[in-house]
Structures are given as structure tokens and as C-alpha cells.
């Protein structure tokens, strides 16, 4: 993996849009990747030097946290940067004692999330011709054990 020299920082929601658009929905208008509640979210970017290459957005409700619009530029996929960013978010959730972390995962990407201890629920839906499953992680003891 060539993932040295990165940094993860909180960013403004506007800085997520280009990455979301390029990595997730390049054939749709950029407004398609905006979320109504982006302003309430907590957004993180993974940077190499001064270039943002991966983003993720967090939304808190009660003692749960949802991550959305997790995207890495295509040219940087498969190099471990998404793994680094998702691990950072899971550690953030654990440190802040969220009871559950969950996401709407593209079904064809669910194996990736399973590596981090997220489990598929029985809730599926379609958006833009793509099938999604809700995945969640409720018990941080499983996460701690998988990190050893």
C-alpha cells in the first residue's frame, strides 16, 4: 500500500461534493450528491499533501451515527485509503461511545464493510438503479477483537 504521508481532517460539506460526484455519481448533476442535512453533518477528508482524495460524512441521531457519502477518487481506490478513513471513523465512534454505526451500502460493496464488522440487515432499497442494503455495527467489543 502506498498510503504514507496522508492526513485526515474535518472539512466543510462543500469540500466533499467534488469527490462524491467524481467517485459515486459522475453521470448525474452535482446536486445529486448533496444531502439536505449536510450542514448538520460532520465531514472528514483524507488528504495526500494538499489534495483531498477520500471523504466521509457523519450524521448523529440519539446515540447512533450514520456514515454517508463515503467516497474515494477512482485513481486512489484499492490502495488502502478508504480503509484508513473508515477505521478512523469507527475509532471516532468508539471513542465517542456511539451505540451503533450504520450506513446504506451498495450491495456490491457490502463485503468491504463486513471486513470492519458491519453486518447486513434485512432492509434493502434501490436508488438510481443501484441496490442498497442497510449495514450496522452495534457492538464495539467485536471491533476491538478484530483489530488485535
Protein backbone atom coordinates (compact mmCIF):
# COMPACT_ATOMS: atom_id res chain seq x y z
CA UNK A 1 0.00 0.00 0.00
CA UNK A 2 1.22 3.44 -0.89
CA UNK A 3 -0.57 5.27 1.88
CA UNK A 4 2.15 7.23 3.60
CA UNK A 5 2.01 10.97 4.04
CA UNK A 6 -1.73 11.34 4.49
CA UNK A 7 -3.76 13.37 6.96
CA UNK A 8 -7.41 13.21 7.98
CA UNK A 9 -9.11 16.44 8.95
CA UNK A 10 -12.60 17.82 9.46
CA UNK A 11 -13.81 19.68 6.40
CA UNK A 12 -16.76 21.76 5.29
CA UNK A 13 -19.53 19.87 3.49
CA UNK A 14 -18.84 21.87 0.31
CA UNK A 15 -15.40 20.26 0.08
CA UNK A 16 -16.97 16.79 -0.10
CA UNK A 17 -19.03 17.48 -3.21
CA UNK A 18 -16.38 17.11 -5.91
CA UNK A 19 -15.15 13.78 -4.55
CA UNK A 20 -18.68 12.46 -4.05
CA UNK A 21 -19.59 13.48 -7.58
CA UNK A 22 -16.49 12.03 -9.26
CA UNK A 23 -16.45 8.75 -7.34
CA UNK A 24 -20.14 7.99 -6.92
CA UNK A 25 -22.39 9.66 -9.46
CA UNK A 26 -20.33 11.21 -12.30
CA UNK A 27 -23.24 10.90 -14.74
CA UNK A 28 -25.67 12.87 -12.58
CA UNK A 29 -25.82 16.61 -11.85
CA UNK A 30 -23.60 17.60 -8.90
CA UNK A 31 -26.70 18.49 -6.87
CA UNK A 32 -27.46 14.74 -6.83
CA UNK A 33 -24.63 14.19 -4.31
CA UNK A 34 -25.76 16.94 -1.93
CA UNK A 35 -27.67 15.93 1.18
CA UNK A 36 -30.42 18.04 2.72
CA UNK A 37 -28.80 17.76 6.13
CA UNK A 38 -25.18 18.25 5.02
CA UNK A 39 -24.99 21.40 7.11
CA UNK A 40 -25.68 19.35 10.28
CA UNK A 41 -23.15 16.65 9.40
CA UNK A 42 -19.58 16.16 10.45
CA UNK A 43 -17.36 15.71 7.40
CA UNK A 44 -13.86 14.31 7.13
CA UNK A 45 -11.40 14.29 4.28
CA UNK A 46 -8.28 12.24 3.73
CA UNK A 47 -5.57 14.33 2.10
CA UNK A 48 -2.34 13.42 0.40
CA UNK A 49 -0.19 16.52 0.59
CA UNK A 50 -2.84 19.18 -0.09
CA UNK A 51 -5.09 17.07 -2.31
CA UNK A 52 -8.31 15.63 -0.93
CA UNK A 53 -8.80 12.09 -2.21
CA UNK A 54 -11.40 10.50 0.09
CA UNK A 55 -14.38 11.82 2.06
CA UNK A 56 -16.97 10.61 4.51
CA UNK A 57 -19.88 12.35 6.24
CA UNK A 58 -21.30 11.53 9.67
CA UNK A 59 -24.79 12.21 10.97
CA UNK A 60 -25.72 11.72 14.61
CA UNK A 61 -29.13 10.73 15.87
CA UNK A 62 -29.62 9.86 19.52
CA UNK A 63 -26.69 7.61 20.41
CA UNK A 64 -26.23 6.35 16.86
CA UNK A 65 -24.14 7.62 14.00
CA UNK A 66 -24.66 7.09 10.29
CA UNK A 67 -21.88 7.48 7.77
CA UNK A 68 -22.88 8.57 4.30
CA UNK A 69 -21.32 9.52 1.01
CA UNK A 70 -18.11 7.62 1.71
CA UNK A 71 -16.13 8.09 -1.48
CA UNK A 72 -12.56 7.78 -2.73
CA UNK A 73 -11.36 9.07 -6.07
CA UNK A 74 -11.15 6.19 -8.56
CA UNK A 75 -7.41 6.63 -9.14
CA UNK A 76 -6.78 6.10 -5.41
CA UNK A 77 -9.14 3.17 -4.86
CA UNK A 78 -7.61 -0.15 -3.92
CA UNK A 79 -4.63 1.49 -2.21
CA UNK A 80 -5.92 1.38 1.37
CA UNK A 81 -7.02 4.99 1.76
CA UNK A 82 -10.70 4.13 2.17
CA UNK A 83 -9.74 1.55 4.79
CA UNK A 84 -7.74 4.17 6.67
CA UNK A 85 -10.61 6.66 6.61
CA UNK A 86 -13.25 4.12 7.65
CA UNK A 87 -11.05 2.86 10.51
CA UNK A 88 -10.64 6.46 11.63
CA UNK A 89 -14.43 6.91 11.69
CA UNK A 90 -15.03 3.66 13.56
CA UNK A 91 -12.43 4.67 16.15
CA UNK A 92 -14.09 8.11 16.39
CA UNK A 93 -17.46 6.43 17.00
CA UNK A 94 -15.99 4.14 19.64
CA UNK A 95 -14.18 6.99 21.41
CA UNK A 96 -17.43 8.98 21.48
CA UNK A 97 -19.41 5.94 22.69
CA UNK A 98 -21.97 5.73 19.92
CA UNK A 99 -24.15 2.65 20.37
CA UNK A 100 -24.48 1.95 16.68
CA UNK A 101 -22.70 2.90 13.47
CA UNK A 102 -24.64 2.29 10.29
CA UNK A 103 -24.72 3.02 6.58
CA UNK A 104 -26.62 2.49 3.36
CA UNK A 105 -24.16 0.27 1.49
CA UNK A 106 -24.25 -0.55 -2.18
CA UNK A 107 -24.92 -4.29 -2.20
CA UNK A 108 -21.91 -4.89 -4.44
CA UNK A 109 -19.71 -3.19 -1.79
CA UNK A 110 -21.12 -4.97 1.28
CA UNK A 111 -18.15 -7.39 1.53
CA UNK A 112 -15.88 -4.37 2.06
CA UNK A 113 -17.94 -3.21 5.06
CA UNK A 114 -18.12 -6.72 6.51
CA UNK A 115 -14.33 -6.58 6.92
CA UNK A 116 -14.94 -3.85 9.52
CA UNK A 117 -17.57 -5.78 11.44
CA UNK A 118 -20.65 -4.22 9.87
CA UNK A 119 -23.49 -6.65 9.35
CA UNK A 120 -26.22 -6.63 6.73
CA UNK A 121 -29.75 -6.03 7.96
CA UNK A 122 -32.88 -7.21 6.18
CA UNK A 123 -33.51 -3.70 4.84
CA UNK A 124 -32.84 -3.19 1.13
CA UNK A 125 -33.78 -0.40 -1.25
CA UNK A 126 -32.97 0.94 -4.72
CA UNK A 127 -31.70 4.39 -5.66
CA UNK A 128 -30.72 5.48 -9.13
CA UNK A 129 -30.86 1.89 -10.38
CA UNK A 130 -28.44 0.66 -7.67
CA UNK A 131 -29.42 -1.77 -4.93
CA UNK A 132 -28.53 -0.87 -1.32
CA UNK A 133 -28.57 -2.70 2.00
CA UNK A 134 -28.52 -1.10 5.42
CA UNK A 135 -25.49 -2.32 7.36
CA UNK A 136 -24.73 -1.71 11.00
CA UNK A 137 -22.27 -2.30 13.78
CA UNK A 138 -23.69 -2.36 17.27
CA UNK A 139 -21.05 -3.91 19.50
CA UNK A 140 -17.62 -2.36 19.75
CA UNK A 141 -16.23 -5.41 21.53
CA UNK A 142 -16.31 -7.18 18.14
CA UNK A 143 -14.43 -4.26 16.59
CA UNK A 144 -11.79 -4.28 19.33
CA UNK A 145 -11.24 -8.02 18.89
CA UNK A 146 -10.94 -7.73 15.10
CA UNK A 147 -8.22 -5.04 15.45
CA UNK A 148 -5.88 -7.24 17.54
